[in-house]
C-alpha atoms as a PDB file:
ATOM      1  CA  MET A   1      16.211 -40.502 -21.102  1.00  0.00           C
ATOM      2  CA  ARG A   2      19.409 -39.754 -23.007  1.00  0.00           C
ATOM      3  CA  GLU A   3      18.313 -41.944 -25.919  1.00  0.00           C
ATOM      4  CA  LEU A   4      14.940 -40.191 -26.073  1.00  0.00           C
ATOM      5  CA  LEU A   5      16.565 -36.743 -26.195  1.00  0.00           C
ATOM      6  CA  ASN A   6      19.071 -37.929 -28.830  1.00  0.00           C
ATOM      7  CA  SER A   7      16.296 -39.324 -31.002  1.00  0.00           C
ATOM      8  CA  LYS A   8      13.920 -36.354 -30.468  1.00  0.00           C
ATOM      9  CA  PRO A   9      15.889 -33.166 -29.689  1.00  0.00           C
ATOM     10  CA  TRP A  10      12.789 -30.969 -29.960  1.00  0.00           C
ATOM     11  CA  ILE A  11      11.662 -32.292 -26.554  1.00  0.00           C
ATOM     12  CA  GLY A  12      14.784 -30.854 -24.924  1.00  0.00           C
ATOM     13  CA  TRP A  13      14.279 -27.522 -26.693  1.00  0.00           C
ATOM     14  CA  ALA A  14      10.621 -27.435 -25.623  1.00  0.00           C
ATOM     15  CA  VAL A  15      11.511 -28.063 -21.971  1.00  0.00           C
ATOM     16  CA  ALA A  16      14.263 -25.417 -22.099  1.00  0.00           C
ATOM     17  CA  GLY A  17      11.843 -22.905 -23.677  1.00  0.00           C
ATOM     18  CA  ALA A  18       9.172 -23.592 -21.064  1.00  0.00           C
ATOM     19  CA  LEU A  19      11.688 -23.079 -18.259  1.00  0.00           C
ATOM     20  CA  LEU A  20      12.860 -19.814 -19.837  1.00  0.00           C
ATOM     21  CA  VAL A  21       9.281 -18.520 -20.094  1.00  0.00           C
ATOM     22  CA  LEU A  22       8.635 -19.512 -16.473  1.00  0.00           C
ATOM     23  CA  ALA A  23      11.805 -17.714 -15.343  1.00  0.00           C
ATOM     24  CA  ILE A  24      10.806 -14.534 -17.193  1.00  0.00           C
ATOM     25  CA  VAL A  25       7.288 -14.569 -15.730  1.00  0.00           C
ATOM     26  CA  LEU A  26       8.609 -15.086 -12.206  1.00  0.00           C
ATOM     27  CA  TYR A  27      11.174 -12.323 -12.638  1.00  0.00           C
ATOM     28  CA  ILE A  28       8.563  -9.832 -13.821  1.00  0.00           C
ATOM     29  CA  THR A  29       6.034 -10.660 -11.107  1.00  0.00           C
ATOM     30  CA  ARG A  30       8.589 -10.747  -8.286  1.00  0.00           C
ATOM     31  CA  SER A  31      10.467  -7.586  -9.242  1.00  0.00           C
ATOM     32  CA  GLY A  32       7.450  -5.342  -8.726  1.00  0.00           C
ATOM     33  CA  GLY A  33       6.578  -4.923 -12.384  1.00  0.00           C
ATOM     34  CA  GLY A  34       3.054  -3.571 -12.139  1.00  0.00           C
ATOM     35  CA  GLY A  35       2.350  -5.143  -8.752  1.00  0.00           C
ATOM     36  CA  ASP A  36       0.271  -3.693  -5.947  1.00  0.00           C
ATOM     37  CA  PRO A  37       2.013  -0.542  -4.666  1.00  0.00           C
ATOM     38  CA  GLU A  38       0.753  -1.287  -1.152  1.00  0.00           C
ATOM     39  CA  SER A  39       1.692  -4.969  -1.015  1.00  0.00           C
ATOM     40  CA  PRO A  40       3.498  -6.189   2.105  1.00  0.00           C
ATOM     41  CA  GLU A  41       6.561  -7.111   0.057  1.00  0.00           C
ATOM     42  CA  ARG A  42       6.802  -3.600  -1.362  1.00  0.00           C
ATOM     43  CA  MET A  43       6.272  -1.991   2.053  1.00  0.00           C
ATOM     44  CA  GLN A  44       9.271  -3.969   3.352  1.00  0.00           C
ATOM     45  CA  GLU A  45      11.592  -2.685   0.622  1.00  0.00           C
ATOM     46  CA  VAL A  46      14.402  -0.517   1.944  1.00  0.00           C
ATOM     47  CA  VAL A  47      14.423   3.033   0.579  1.00  0.00           C
ATOM     48  CA  VAL A  48      17.501   5.267   0.709  1.00  0.00           C
ATOM     49  CA  ILE A  49      16.556   8.815   1.647  1.00  0.00           C
ATOM     50  CA  LYS A  50      18.927  11.740   1.173  1.00  0.00           C
ATOM     51  CA  PHE A  51      18.415  14.963   3.108  1.00  0.00           C
ATOM     52  CA  THR A  52      19.131  17.994   0.954  1.00  0.00           C
ATOM     53  CA  ASP A  53      19.963  20.335   3.842  1.00  0.00           C
ATOM     54  CA  THR A  54      22.655  18.183   5.525  1.00  0.00           C
ATOM     55  CA  GLY A  55      23.574  15.727   2.765  1.00  0.00           C
ATOM     56  CA  ASP A  56      22.990  12.815   5.149  1.00  0.00           C
ATOM     57  CA  GLU A  57      21.511   9.550   3.890  1.00  0.00           C
ATOM     58  CA  ILE A  58      19.386   7.084   5.826  1.00  0.00           C
ATOM     59  CA  GLU A  59      17.693   3.809   4.995  1.00  0.00           C
ATOM     60  CA  MET A  60      14.162   2.990   6.065  1.00  0.00           C
ATOM     61  CA  PRO A  61      11.433   0.575   5.001  1.00  0.00           C
ATOM     62  CA  ARG A  62       9.026   2.032   2.452  1.00  0.00           C
ATOM     63  CA  GLY A  63       6.153   1.303   4.842  1.00  0.00           C
ATOM     64  CA  ARG A  64       7.620   3.547   7.552  1.00  0.00           C
ATOM     65  CA  MET A  65       8.211   6.316   5.011  1.00  0.00           C
ATOM     66  CA  GLU A  66       4.597   6.119   3.824  1.00  0.00           C
ATOM     67  CA  LYS A  67       3.318   6.005   7.413  1.00  0.00           C
ATOM     68  CA  GLN A  68       5.139   9.260   8.171  1.00  0.00           C
ATOM     69  CA  LEU A  69       3.600  10.832   5.086  1.00  0.00           C
ATOM     70  CA  ARG A  70       0.083   9.607   5.885  1.00  0.00           C
ATOM     71  CA  GLU A  71       0.283  11.022   9.412  1.00  0.00           C
ATOM     72  CA  ARG A  72       0.727  14.554   8.072  1.00  0.00           C
ATOM     73  CA  GLY A  73      -2.390  16.624   7.932  1.00  0.00           C
ATOM     74  CA  GLY A  74      -3.849  17.982   4.730  1.00  0.00           C
ATOM     75  CA  THR A  75      -2.704  17.479   1.166  1.00  0.00           C
ATOM     76  CA  LEU A  76       0.922  16.502   0.646  1.00  0.00           C
ATOM     77  CA  ASP A  77       3.295  18.471  -1.567  1.00  0.00           C
ATOM     78  CA  THR A  78       5.977  16.767  -3.666  1.00  0.00           C
ATOM     79  CA  ASP A  79       8.437  19.485  -2.626  1.00  0.00           C
ATOM     80  CA  ALA A  80       8.159  18.630   1.095  1.00  0.00           C
ATOM     81  CA  GLY A  81      10.055  15.453   1.905  1.00  0.00           C
ATOM     82  CA  ILE A  82      10.657  13.273   4.931  1.00  0.00           C
ATOM     83  CA  THR A  83      11.481  15.245   8.081  1.00  0.00           C
ATOM     84  CA  ASN A  84      15.203  15.385   8.844  1.00  0.00           C
ATOM     85  CA  PRO A  85      15.647  14.271  12.479  1.00  0.00           C
ATOM     86  CA  LYS A  86      18.649  16.601  12.892  1.00  0.00           C
ATOM     87  CA  THR A  87      17.057  19.816  11.607  1.00  0.00           C
ATOM     88  CA  GLY A  88      13.317  19.120  11.822  1.00  0.00           C
ATOM     89  CA  LYS A  89      12.834  20.287   8.227  1.00  0.00           C
ATOM     90  CA  PRO A  90      11.126  18.176   5.511  1.00  0.00           C
ATOM     91  CA  THR A  91      14.136  17.831   3.218  1.00  0.00           C
ATOM     92  CA  GLY A  92      14.499  14.055   2.756  1.00  0.00           C
ATOM     93  CA  PHE A  93      13.745  12.476  -0.609  1.00  0.00           C
ATOM     94  CA  PRO A  94      14.266   9.019  -2.112  1.00  0.00           C
ATOM     95  CA  PHE A  95      16.691   8.843  -5.024  1.00  0.00           C
ATOM     96  CA  LYS A  96      13.957   7.863  -7.494  1.00  0.00           C
ATOM     97  CA  ARG A  97      12.024  11.114  -7.899  1.00  0.00           C
ATOM     98  CA  ASN A  98       9.313   9.587 -10.100  1.00  0.00           C
ATOM     99  CA  GLU A  99       8.499   6.993  -7.398  1.00  0.00           C
ATOM    100  CA  TRP A 100       8.301   9.810  -4.845  1.00  0.00           C
ATOM    101  CA  GLU A 101       5.815  11.741  -6.969  1.00  0.00           C
ATOM    102  CA  GLU A 102       3.700   8.617  -7.589  1.00  0.00           C
ATOM    103  CA  THR A 103       3.671   7.867  -3.848  1.00  0.00           C
ATOM    104  CA  ILE A 104       2.580  11.408  -2.959  1.00  0.00           C
ATOM    105  CA  LYS A 105      -0.145  11.310  -5.631  1.00  0.00           C
ATOM    106  CA  ARG A 106      -1.428   7.930  -4.357  1.00  0.00           C
ATOM    107  CA  ILE A 107      -1.438   9.041  -0.696  1.00  0.00           C
ATOM    108  CA  ASN A 108      -3.237  12.298  -1.554  1.00  0.00           C
ATOM    109  CA  LYS A 109      -5.851  10.315  -3.475  1.00  0.00           C
ATOM    110  CA  ASP A 110      -6.314   7.950  -0.505  1.00  0.00           C
ATOM    111  CA  LYS A 111      -6.652  10.886   1.899  1.00  0.00           C
ATOM    112  CA  GLU A 112      -9.234  12.494  -0.362  1.00  0.00           C
ATOM    113  CA  VAL A 113     -11.351   9.335  -0.441  1.00  0.00           C
ATOM    114  CA  TYR A 114     -11.057   8.627   3.288  1.00  0.00           C
ATOM    115  CA  ASN A 115     -11.806  12.194   4.364  1.00  0.00           C
ATOM    116  CA  LYS A 116     -15.087  12.545   2.434  1.00  0.00           C
ATOM    117  CA  PRO A 117     -18.095  12.136   4.704  1.00  0.00           C
ATOM    118  CA  GLY A 118     -19.751   8.796   4.100  1.00  0.00           C
ATOM    119  CA  GLN A 119     -16.973   7.674   1.728  1.00  0.00           C
ATOM    120  CA  ASN A 120     -14.581   6.063   4.191  1.00  0.00           C
ATOM    121  CA  PRO A 121     -14.619   2.333   3.374  1.00  0.00           C
ATOM    122  CA  ALA A 122     -12.909   1.549   6.681  1.00  0.00           C
ATOM    123  CA  VAL A 123     -15.846   2.923   8.667  1.00  0.00           C
ATOM    124  CA  LYS A 124     -19.007   0.915   8.309  1.00  0.00           C
ATOM    125  CA  PRO A 125     -22.325   2.691   8.895  1.00  0.00           C
ATOM    126  CA  ALA A 126     -23.917   1.871  12.192  1.00  0.00           C
ATOM    127  CA  ALA A 127     -26.711  -0.660  12.083  1.00  0.00           C
ATOM    128  CA  PRO A 128     -30.105   0.667  13.169  1.00  0.00           C
ATOM    129  CA  ALA A 129     -30.966  -0.114  16.748  1.00  0.00           C
ATOM    130  CA  PRO A 130     -33.365  -3.013  17.155  1.00  0.00           C
ATOM    131  CA  ALA A 131     -36.923  -2.041  17.949  1.00  0.00           C
ATOM    132  CA  VAL A 132     -37.752  -2.550  21.594  1.00  0.00           C
ATOM    133  CA  PRO A 133     -41.397  -3.483  22.183  1.00  0.00           C
ATOM    134  CA  VAL A 134     -43.174  -1.025  24.423  1.00  0.00           C
ATOM    135  CA  PRO A 135     -45.871  -2.532  26.646  1.00  0.00           C
ATOM    136  CA  ALA A 136     -49.330  -1.097  26.291  1.00  0.00           C
ATOM    137  CA  PRO A 137     -50.201   1.341  29.029  1.00  0.00           C
ATOM    138  CA  ALA A 138     -52.167  -0.227  31.837  1.00  0.00           C
ATOM    139  CA  GLY A 139     -55.643   1.113  32.452  1.00  0.00           C
ATOM    140  CA  PRO A 140     -56.726   2.729  35.694  1.00  0.00           C
ATOM    141  CA  PRO A 141     -56.767   0.423  38.640  1.00  0.00           C
ATOM    142  CA  THR A 142     -60.051  -1.190  39.345  1.00  0.00           C
ATOM    143  CA  GLY A 143     -60.950  -1.269  42.981  1.00  0.00           C
ATOM    144  CA  LYS A 144     -62.325  -4.750  42.980  1.00  0.00           C
END
């Protein structure tokens, strides 16, 4: 192997280049670059939330944060954050404001689609009931 690489160094450079390209591709795909915003891996990410009224910070999985937002009625506002357990006011926001705004926009879009009559992909229309044969009415009894 050593003699081959000494006689043809381009093979070593080609292998090193291929490994570098593979590493870059894996880094980009694993670090959330353009991935599904609702993937299980992303929902398990820990988000640091800071409450503006008390200054407290908490950590929670992104999935729990989004669940709390989805459980609210109506359209969400980017100025109303996660509810502070100490004060009961919606003053908690993640540090990355642009991610917060994208999340709110995505959840509002989902709510809009799911709340339209006949547009909810999670609810399948009921199948028509099977026709039940009705026996023909019997004639008057014959006294035979």
